[in-house]
Amino acid sequence: MIVRYLDLETGRKAEDRGISEFSLTEGNWSCDCNRRIPFDGLSGSDTCDGCHRFLVYDVEAEDGDEPFDAIDVIREANSEYYTRLRAT
């Protein structure tokens, strides 16, 4: 899947490819630790960076992807981010 991110701190956008729905919603790309990679090429530290900065604003199927509902994937991928944003 092609994933497009918005950096809430700088307003920059970035794109990553080859991310599975599971990785984006529950796995390693479900928080900022790996979502930062397409922005600066660096992964996070040994501790989790949390869900503060890199929101998913679009997803697109790649060849070979199982069908998915983009709105549902985006909603699930950002569920922890929205909770934190509402609290601020």
PDB file of N, CA and C in Angstrom:
ATOM      1  N   MET A   1       0.845  -1.166   0.000  1.00  0.00           N
ATOM      2  CA  MET A   1       0.000   0.000   0.000  1.00  0.00           C
ATOM      3  C   MET A   1       0.897   1.239   0.000  1.00  0.00           C
ATOM      4  N   ILE A   2       0.450   2.244  -0.687  1.00  0.00           N
ATOM      5  CA  ILE A   2       1.117   3.546  -0.662  1.00  0.00           C
ATOM      6  C   ILE A   2       0.467   4.352   0.448  1.00  0.00           C
ATOM      7  N   VAL A   3       1.298   4.903   1.324  1.00  0.00           N
ATOM      8  CA  VAL A   3       0.798   5.665   2.470  1.00  0.00           C
ATOM      9  C   VAL A   3       1.337   7.083   2.390  1.00  0.00           C
ATOM     10  N   ARG A   4       0.456   8.050   2.584  1.00  0.00           N
ATOM     11  CA  ARG A   4       0.863   9.461   2.575  1.00  0.00           C
ATOM     12  C   ARG A   4       0.659  10.037   3.976  1.00  0.00           C
ATOM     13  N   TYR A   5       1.716  10.686   4.463  1.00  0.00           N
ATOM     14  CA  TYR A   5       1.730  11.216   5.824  1.00  0.00           C
ATOM     15  C   TYR A   5       1.782  12.737   5.823  1.00  0.00           C
ATOM     16  N   LEU A   6       1.230  13.322   6.860  1.00  0.00           N
ATOM     17  CA  LEU A   6       1.331  14.750   7.126  1.00  0.00           C
ATOM     18  C   LEU A   6       2.081  14.925   8.442  1.00  0.00           C
ATOM     19  N   ASP A   7       3.141  15.716   8.415  1.00  0.00           N
ATOM     20  CA  ASP A   7       3.894  16.042   9.627  1.00  0.00           C
ATOM     21  C   ASP A   7       3.173  17.206  10.305  1.00  0.00           C
ATOM     22  N   LEU A   8       2.554  16.936  11.436  1.00  0.00           N
ATOM     23  CA  LEU A   8       1.780  17.960  12.138  1.00  0.00           C
ATOM     24  C   LEU A   8       2.641  19.085  12.693  1.00  0.00           C
ATOM     25  N   GLU A   9       3.932  18.857  12.818  1.00  0.00           N
ATOM     26  CA  GLU A   9       4.832  19.876  13.348  1.00  0.00           C
ATOM     27  C   GLU A   9       5.289  20.859  12.270  1.00  0.00           C
ATOM     28  N   THR A  10       5.568  20.355  11.065  1.00  0.00           N
ATOM     29  CA  THR A  10       6.123  21.215  10.014  1.00  0.00           C
ATOM     30  C   THR A  10       5.163  21.463   8.858  1.00  0.00           C
ATOM     31  N   GLY A  11       4.122  20.641   8.734  1.00  0.00           N
ATOM     32  CA  GLY A  11       3.210  20.750   7.603  1.00  0.00           C
ATOM     33  C   GLY A  11       3.703  20.042   6.353  1.00  0.00           C
ATOM     34  N   ARG A  12       4.875  19.437   6.411  1.00  0.00           N
ATOM     35  CA  ARG A  12       5.420  18.703   5.259  1.00  0.00           C
ATOM     36  C   ARG A  12       4.645  17.416   5.047  1.00  0.00           C
ATOM     37  N   LYS A  13       4.662  16.938   3.809  1.00  0.00           N
ATOM     38  CA  LYS A  13       4.030  15.675   3.460  1.00  0.00           C
ATOM     39  C   LYS A  13       5.096  14.731   2.914  1.00  0.00           C
ATOM     40  N   ALA A  14       4.874  13.436   3.107  1.00  0.00           N
ATOM     41  CA  ALA A  14       5.795  12.419   2.604  1.00  0.00           C
ATOM     42  C   ALA A  14       5.001  11.174   2.256  1.00  0.00           C
ATOM     43  N   GLU A  15       5.641  10.298   1.492  1.00  0.00           N
ATOM     44  CA  GLU A  15       4.989   9.090   1.015  1.00  0.00           C
ATOM     45  C   GLU A  15       5.894   7.897   1.278  1.00  0.00           C
ATOM     46  N   ASP A  16       5.274   6.771   1.591  1.00  0.00           N
ATOM     47  CA  ASP A  16       5.997   5.519   1.791  1.00  0.00           C
ATOM     48  C   ASP A  16       5.259   4.431   1.037  1.00  0.00           C
ATOM     49  N   ARG A  17       5.967   3.401   0.623  1.00  0.00           N
ATOM     50  CA  ARG A  17       5.373   2.318  -0.167  1.00  0.00           C
ATOM     51  C   ARG A  17       5.676   0.973   0.474  1.00  0.00           C
ATOM     52  N   GLY A  18       4.845  -0.001   0.115  1.00  0.00           N
ATOM     53  CA  GLY A  18       5.077  -1.358   0.571  1.00  0.00           C
ATOM     54  C   GLY A  18       4.657  -1.612   2.003  1.00  0.00           C
ATOM     55  N   ILE A  19       3.798  -0.763   2.549  1.00  0.00           N
ATOM     56  CA  ILE A  19       3.330  -0.913   3.920  1.00  0.00           C
ATOM     57  C   ILE A  19       2.040  -1.738   3.903  1.00  0.00           C
ATOM     58  N   SER A  20       1.954  -2.738   4.740  1.00  0.00           N
ATOM     59  CA  SER A  20       0.727  -3.532   4.807  1.00  0.00           C
ATOM     60  C   SER A  20      -0.299  -2.824   5.695  1.00  0.00           C
ATOM     61  N   GLU A  21      -1.546  -3.183   5.506  1.00  0.00           N
ATOM     62  CA  GLU A  21      -2.605  -2.603   6.342  1.00  0.00           C
ATOM     63  C   GLU A  21      -2.351  -2.916   7.815  1.00  0.00           C
ATOM     64  N   PHE A  22      -1.953  -4.157   8.122  1.00  0.00           N
ATOM     65  CA  PHE A  22      -1.672  -4.528   9.498  1.00  0.00           C
ATOM     66  C   PHE A  22      -0.539  -3.680  10.079  1.00  0.00           C
ATOM     67  N   SER A  23       0.555  -3.528   9.331  1.00  0.00           N
ATOM     68  CA  SER A  23       1.689  -2.737   9.835  1.00  0.00           C
ATOM     69  C   SER A  23       1.284  -1.305  10.124  1.00  0.00           C
ATOM     70  N   LEU A  24       0.430  -0.743   9.264  1.00  0.00           N
ATOM     71  CA  LEU A  24       0.016   0.647   9.417  1.00  0.00           C
ATOM     72  C   LEU A  24      -0.948   0.845  10.581  1.00  0.00           C
ATOM     73  N   THR A  25      -1.788  -0.130  10.839  1.00  0.00           N
ATOM     74  CA  THR A  25      -2.814   0.047  11.860  1.00  0.00           C
ATOM     75  C   THR A  25      -2.462  -0.567  13.212  1.00  0.00           C
ATOM     76  N   GLU A  26      -1.643  -1.625  13.219  1.00  0.00           N
ATOM     77  CA  GLU A  26      -1.327  -2.302  14.478  1.00  0.00           C
ATOM     78  C   GLU A  26       0.156  -2.609  14.660  1.00  0.00           C
ATOM     79  N   GLY A  27       0.910  -2.571  13.587  1.00  0.00           N
ATOM     80  CA  GLY A  27       2.308  -2.982  13.646  1.00  0.00           C
ATOM     81  C   GLY A  27       3.276  -1.818  13.785  1.00  0.00           C
ATOM     82  N   ASN A  28       4.444  -1.973  13.200  1.00  0.00           N
ATOM     83  CA  ASN A  28       5.540  -1.015  13.374  1.00  0.00           C
ATOM     84  C   ASN A  28       5.266   0.375  12.801  1.00  0.00           C
ATOM     85  N   TRP A  29       4.340   0.498  11.858  1.00  0.00           N
ATOM     86  CA  TRP A  29       4.044   1.814  11.273  1.00  0.00           C
ATOM     87  C   TRP A  29       2.778   2.423  11.887  1.00  0.00           C
ATOM     88  N   SER A  30       2.380   1.936  13.057  1.00  0.00           N
ATOM     89  CA  SER A  30       1.180   2.475  13.696  1.00  0.00           C
ATOM     90  C   SER A  30       1.509   3.633  14.633  1.00  0.00           C
ATOM     91  N   CYS A  31       2.783   4.012  14.734  1.00  0.00           N
ATOM     92  CA  CYS A  31       3.192   5.154  15.555  1.00  0.00           C
ATOM     93  C   CYS A  31       4.341   5.889  14.868  1.00  0.00           C
ATOM     94  N   ASP A  32       4.812   6.938  15.477  1.00  0.00           N
ATOM     95  CA  ASP A  32       5.814   7.802  14.857  1.00  0.00           C
ATOM     96  C   ASP A  32       7.184   7.163  14.654  1.00  0.00           C
ATOM     97  N   CYS A  33       7.461   6.070  15.352  1.00  0.00           N
ATOM     98  CA  CYS A  33       8.792   5.445  15.267  1.00  0.00           C
ATOM     99  C   CYS A  33       9.219   5.193  13.822  1.00  0.00           C
ATOM    100  N   ASN A  34       8.348   4.601  13.023  1.00  0.00           N
ATOM    101  CA  ASN A  34       8.682   4.319  11.629  1.00  0.00           C
ATOM    102  C   ASN A  34       8.026   5.283  10.651  1.00  0.00           C
ATOM    103  N   ARG A  35       6.980   5.969  11.055  1.00  0.00           N
ATOM    104  CA  ARG A  35       6.351   6.940  10.166  1.00  0.00           C
ATOM    105  C   ARG A  35       7.294   8.105   9.870  1.00  0.00           C
ATOM    106  N   ARG A  36       8.297   8.291  10.701  1.00  0.00           N
ATOM    107  CA  ARG A  36       9.258   9.380  10.479  1.00  0.00           C
ATOM    108  C   ARG A  36      10.246   9.060   9.368  1.00  0.00           C
ATOM    109  N   ILE A  37      10.397   7.784   9.014  1.00  0.00           N
ATOM    110  CA  ILE A  37      11.421   7.364   8.052  1.00  0.00           C
ATOM    111  C   ILE A  37      11.323   8.093   6.709  1.00  0.00           C
ATOM    112  N   PRO A  38      10.141   8.202   6.081  1.00  0.00           N
ATOM    113  CA  PRO A  38      10.119   8.898   4.791  1.00  0.00           C
ATOM    114  C   PRO A  38      10.414  10.397   4.885  1.00  0.00           C
ATOM    115  N   PHE A  39      10.397  10.957   6.072  1.00  0.00           N
ATOM    116  CA  PHE A  39      10.709  12.378   6.235  1.00  0.00           C
ATOM    117  C   PHE A  39      12.206  12.621   6.391  1.00  0.00           C
ATOM    118  N   ASP A  40      12.862  11.803   7.200  1.00  0.00           N
ATOM    119  CA  ASP A  40      14.279  12.067   7.439  1.00  0.00           C
ATOM    120  C   ASP A  40      15.162  10.838   7.309  1.00  0.00           C
ATOM    121  N   GLY A  41      14.577   9.701   6.969  1.00  0.00           N
ATOM    122  CA  GLY A  41      15.354   8.498   6.759  1.00  0.00           C
ATOM    123  C   GLY A  41      15.848   7.839   8.024  1.00  0.00           C
ATOM    124  N   LEU A  42      15.446   8.337   9.163  1.00  0.00           N
ATOM    125  CA  LEU A  42      15.906   7.780  10.426  1.00  0.00           C
ATOM    126  C   LEU A  42      14.754   7.103  11.149  1.00  0.00           C
ATOM    127  N   SER A  43      15.026   5.964  11.709  1.00  0.00           N
ATOM    128  CA  SER A  43      14.001   5.346  12.543  1.00  0.00           C
ATOM    129  C   SER A  43      14.138   5.892  13.956  1.00  0.00           C
ATOM    130  N   GLY A  44      13.162   5.598  14.760  1.00  0.00           N
ATOM    131  CA  GLY A  44      13.160   6.097  16.127  1.00  0.00           C
ATOM    132  C   GLY A  44      14.187   5.393  16.997  1.00  0.00           C
ATOM    133  N   SER A  45      14.194   5.746  18.246  1.00  0.00           N
ATOM    134  CA  SER A  45      15.110   5.156  19.214  1.00  0.00           C
ATOM    135  C   SER A  45      14.567   3.811  19.689  1.00  0.00           C
ATOM    136  N   ASP A  46      15.179   3.247  20.696  1.00  0.00           N
ATOM    137  CA  ASP A  46      14.719   1.978  21.253  1.00  0.00           C
ATOM    138  C   ASP A  46      13.412   2.124  22.017  1.00  0.00           C
ATOM    139  N   THR A  47      13.041   3.340  22.359  1.00  0.00           N
ATOM    140  CA  THR A  47      11.762   3.570  23.020  1.00  0.00           C
ATOM    141  C   THR A  47      10.783   4.145  22.004  1.00  0.00           C
ATOM    142  N   CYS A  48       9.517   3.867  22.199  1.00  0.00           N
ATOM    143  CA  CYS A  48       8.497   4.306  21.244  1.00  0.00           C
ATOM    144  C   CYS A  48       8.380   5.827  21.224  1.00  0.00           C
ATOM    145  N   ASP A  49       8.264   6.379  20.008  1.00  0.00           N
ATOM    146  CA  ASP A  49       8.086   7.822  19.847  1.00  0.00           C
ATOM    147  C   ASP A  49       6.649   8.259  20.094  1.00  0.00           C
ATOM    148  N   GLY A  50       5.730   7.308  20.209  1.00  0.00           N
ATOM    149  CA  GLY A  50       4.339   7.642  20.479  1.00  0.00           C
ATOM    150  C   GLY A  50       3.564   8.019  19.230  1.00  0.00           C
ATOM    151  N   CYS A  51       2.423   8.631  19.415  1.00  0.00           N
ATOM    152  CA  CYS A  51       1.492   8.973  18.342  1.00  0.00           C
ATOM    153  C   CYS A  51       1.174  10.458  18.425  1.00  0.00           C
ATOM    154  N   HIS A  52       2.101  11.278  17.980  1.00  0.00           N
ATOM    155  CA  HIS A  52       1.936  12.717  18.126  1.00  0.00           C
ATOM    156  C   HIS A  52       2.068  13.501  16.823  1.00  0.00           C
ATOM    157  N   ARG A  53       2.892  13.024  15.895  1.00  0.00           N
ATOM    158  CA  ARG A  53       3.374  13.907  14.846  1.00  0.00           C
ATOM    159  C   ARG A  53       2.972  13.541  13.420  1.00  0.00           C
ATOM    160  N   PHE A  54       2.993  12.274  13.038  1.00  0.00           N
ATOM    161  CA  PHE A  54       2.859  11.892  11.634  1.00  0.00           C
ATOM    162  C   PHE A  54       1.522  11.207  11.352  1.00  0.00           C
ATOM    163  N   LEU A  55       0.554  11.981  10.886  1.00  0.00           N
ATOM    164  CA  LEU A  55      -0.791  11.488  10.579  1.00  0.00           C
ATOM    165  C   LEU A  55      -0.855  10.917   9.168  1.00  0.00           C
ATOM    166  N   VAL A  56      -1.618   9.865   8.992  1.00  0.00           N
ATOM    167  CA  VAL A  56      -1.900   9.319   7.665  1.00  0.00           C
ATOM    168  C   VAL A  56      -3.046  10.132   7.074  1.00  0.00           C
ATOM    169  N   TYR A  57      -2.834  10.730   5.889  1.00  0.00           N
ATOM    170  CA  TYR A  57      -3.938  11.475   5.276  1.00  0.00           C
ATOM    171  C   TYR A  57      -4.449  10.819   4.000  1.00  0.00           C
ATOM    172  N   ASP A  58      -3.739   9.788   3.486  1.00  0.00           N
ATOM    173  CA  ASP A  58      -4.210   9.097   2.290  1.00  0.00           C
ATOM    174  C   ASP A  58      -3.531   7.741   2.200  1.00  0.00           C
ATOM    175  N   VAL A  59      -4.238   6.770   1.647  1.00  0.00           N
ATOM    176  CA  VAL A  59      -3.673   5.462   1.337  1.00  0.00           C
ATOM    177  C   VAL A  59      -4.158   5.059  -0.049  1.00  0.00           C
ATOM    178  N   GLU A  60      -3.333   4.284  -0.742  1.00  0.00           N
ATOM    179  CA  GLU A  60      -3.661   3.864  -2.094  1.00  0.00           C
ATOM    180  C   GLU A  60      -3.140   2.447  -2.299  1.00  0.00           C
ATOM    181  N   ALA A  61      -3.920   1.631  -2.978  1.00  0.00           N
ATOM    182  CA  ALA A  61      -3.516   0.247  -3.227  1.00  0.00           C
ATOM    183  C   ALA A  61      -2.377   0.189  -4.234  1.00  0.00           C
ATOM    184  N   GLU A  62      -1.496  -0.759  -4.012  1.00  0.00           N
ATOM    185  CA  GLU A  62      -0.448  -1.092  -4.967  1.00  0.00           C
ATOM    186  C   GLU A  62      -0.810  -2.428  -5.602  1.00  0.00           C
ATOM    187  N   ASP A  63      -0.163  -2.764  -6.708  1.00  0.00           N
ATOM    188  CA  ASP A  63      -0.396  -4.052  -7.336  1.00  0.00           C
ATOM    189  C   ASP A  63      -0.171  -5.167  -6.326  1.00  0.00           C
ATOM    190  N   GLY A  64      -1.103  -6.095  -6.268  1.00  0.00           N
ATOM    191  CA  GLY A  64      -0.988  -7.232  -5.369  1.00  0.00           C
ATOM    192  C   GLY A  64      -1.612  -7.030  -4.007  1.00  0.00           C
ATOM    193  N   ASP A  65      -2.034  -5.817  -3.668  1.00  0.00           N
ATOM    194  CA  ASP A  65      -2.688  -5.575  -2.378  1.00  0.00           C
ATOM    195  C   ASP A  65      -4.079  -6.193  -2.356  1.00  0.00           C
ATOM    196  N   GLU A  66      -4.464  -6.681  -1.202  1.00  0.00           N
ATOM    197  CA  GLU A  66      -5.838  -7.121  -0.995  1.00  0.00           C
ATOM    198  C   GLU A  66      -6.730  -5.876  -1.009  1.00  0.00           C
ATOM    199  N   PRO A  67      -7.967  -5.999  -1.455  1.00  0.00           N
ATOM    200  CA  PRO A  67      -8.876  -4.839  -1.435  1.00  0.00           C
ATOM    201  C   PRO A  67      -9.077  -4.319  -0.004  1.00  0.00           C
ATOM    202  N   PHE A  68      -9.212  -3.000   0.123  1.00  0.00           N
ATOM    203  CA  PHE A  68      -9.454  -2.387   1.432  1.00  0.00           C
ATOM    204  C   PHE A  68     -10.246  -1.115   1.239  1.00  0.00           C
ATOM    205  N   ASP A  69     -10.880  -0.674   2.309  1.00  0.00           N
ATOM    206  CA  ASP A  69     -11.614   0.585   2.320  1.00  0.00           C
ATOM    207  C   ASP A  69     -10.664   1.659   2.847  1.00  0.00           C
ATOM    208  N   ALA A  70     -10.276   2.600   2.007  1.00  0.00           N
ATOM    209  CA  ALA A  70      -9.274   3.610   2.368  1.00  0.00           C
ATOM    210  C   ALA A  70      -9.689   4.416   3.600  1.00  0.00           C
ATOM    211  N   ILE A  71     -10.950   4.803   3.673  1.00  0.00           N
ATOM    212  CA  ILE A  71     -11.416   5.596   4.817  1.00  0.00           C
ATOM    213  C   ILE A  71     -11.257   4.815   6.112  1.00  0.00           C
ATOM    214  N   ASP A  72     -11.617   3.547   6.092  1.00  0.00           N
ATOM    215  CA  ASP A  72     -11.475   2.716   7.290  1.00  0.00           C
ATOM    216  C   ASP A  72     -10.012   2.566   7.694  1.00  0.00           C
ATOM    217  N   VAL A  73      -9.137   2.362   6.717  1.00  0.00           N
ATOM    218  CA  VAL A  73      -7.706   2.211   7.017  1.00  0.00           C
ATOM    219  C   VAL A  73      -7.156   3.506   7.607  1.00  0.00           C
ATOM    220  N   ILE A  74      -7.487   4.639   7.032  1.00  0.00           N
ATOM    221  CA  ILE A  74      -7.010   5.932   7.540  1.00  0.00           C
ATOM    222  C   ILE A  74      -7.523   6.170   8.959  1.00  0.00           C
ATOM    223  N   ARG A  75      -8.796   5.906   9.175  1.00  0.00           N
ATOM    224  CA  ARG A  75      -9.392   6.084  10.510  1.00  0.00           C
ATOM    225  C   ARG A  75      -8.668   5.210  11.536  1.00  0.00           C
ATOM    226  N   GLU A  76      -8.461   3.945  11.204  1.00  0.00           N
ATOM    227  CA  GLU A  76      -7.795   3.028  12.134  1.00  0.00           C
ATOM    228  C   GLU A  76      -6.322   3.400  12.319  1.00  0.00           C
ATOM    229  N   ALA A  77      -5.656   3.805  11.246  1.00  0.00           N
ATOM    230  CA  ALA A  77      -4.239   4.165  11.328  1.00  0.00           C
ATOM    231  C   ALA A  77      -4.009   5.380  12.210  1.00  0.00           C
ATOM    232  N   ASN A  78      -4.996   6.249  12.312  1.00  0.00           N
ATOM    233  CA  ASN A  78      -4.856   7.477  13.102  1.00  0.00           C
ATOM    234  C   ASN A  78      -5.611   7.449  14.425  1.00  0.00           C
ATOM    235  N   SER A  79      -6.161   6.318  14.796  1.00  0.00           N
ATOM    236  CA  SER A  79      -7.024   6.280  15.983  1.00  0.00           C
ATOM    237  C   SER A  79      -6.313   6.762  17.241  1.00  0.00           C
ATOM    238  N   GLU A  80      -5.089   6.388  17.459  1.00  0.00           N
ATOM    239  CA  GLU A  80      -4.350   6.848  18.637  1.00  0.00           C
ATOM    240  C   GLU A  80      -3.994   8.333  18.540  1.00  0.00           C
ATOM    241  N   TYR A  81      -3.759   8.822  17.344  1.00  0.00           N
ATOM    242  CA  TYR A  81      -3.411  10.226  17.150  1.00  0.00           C
ATOM    243  C   TYR A  81      -4.596  11.120  17.491  1.00  0.00           C
ATOM    244  N   TYR A  82      -5.785  10.764  17.037  1.00  0.00           N
ATOM    245  CA  TYR A  82      -6.970  11.570  17.308  1.00  0.00           C
ATOM    246  C   TYR A  82      -7.257  11.650  18.798  1.00  0.00           C
ATOM    247  N   THR A  83      -7.068  10.533  19.482  1.00  0.00           N
ATOM    248  CA  THR A  83      -7.277  10.527  20.924  1.00  0.00           C
ATOM    249  C   THR A  83      -6.351  11.541  21.594  1.00  0.00           C
ATOM    250  N   ARG A  84      -5.102  11.558  21.192  1.00  0.00           N
ATOM    251  CA  ARG A  84      -4.131  12.478  21.788  1.00  0.00           C
ATOM    252  C   ARG A  84      -4.418  13.924  21.364  1.00  0.00           C
ATOM    253  N   LEU A  85      -4.844  14.140  20.115  1.00  0.00           N
ATOM    254  CA  LEU A  85      -5.118  15.500  19.655  1.00  0.00           C
ATOM    255  C   LEU A  85      -6.325  16.086  20.371  1.00  0.00           C
ATOM    256  N   ARG A  86      -7.337  15.275  20.631  1.00  0.00           N
ATOM    257  CA  ARG A  86      -8.528  15.749  21.333  1.00  0.00           C
ATOM    258  C   ARG A  86      -8.205  16.142  22.764  1.00  0.00           C
ATOM    259  N   ALA A  87      -7.209  15.490  23.339  1.00  0.00           N
ATOM    260  CA  ALA A  87      -6.858  15.757  24.736  1.00  0.00           C
ATOM    261  C   ALA A  87      -6.070  17.054  24.902  1.00  0.00           C
ATOM    262  N   THR A  88      -5.561  17.601  23.797  1.00  0.00           N
ATOM    263  CA  THR A  88      -4.749  18.825  23.902  1.00  0.00           C
ATOM    264  C   THR A  88      -5.577  20.056  23.687  1.00  0.00           C
TER     265      THR A  88
END
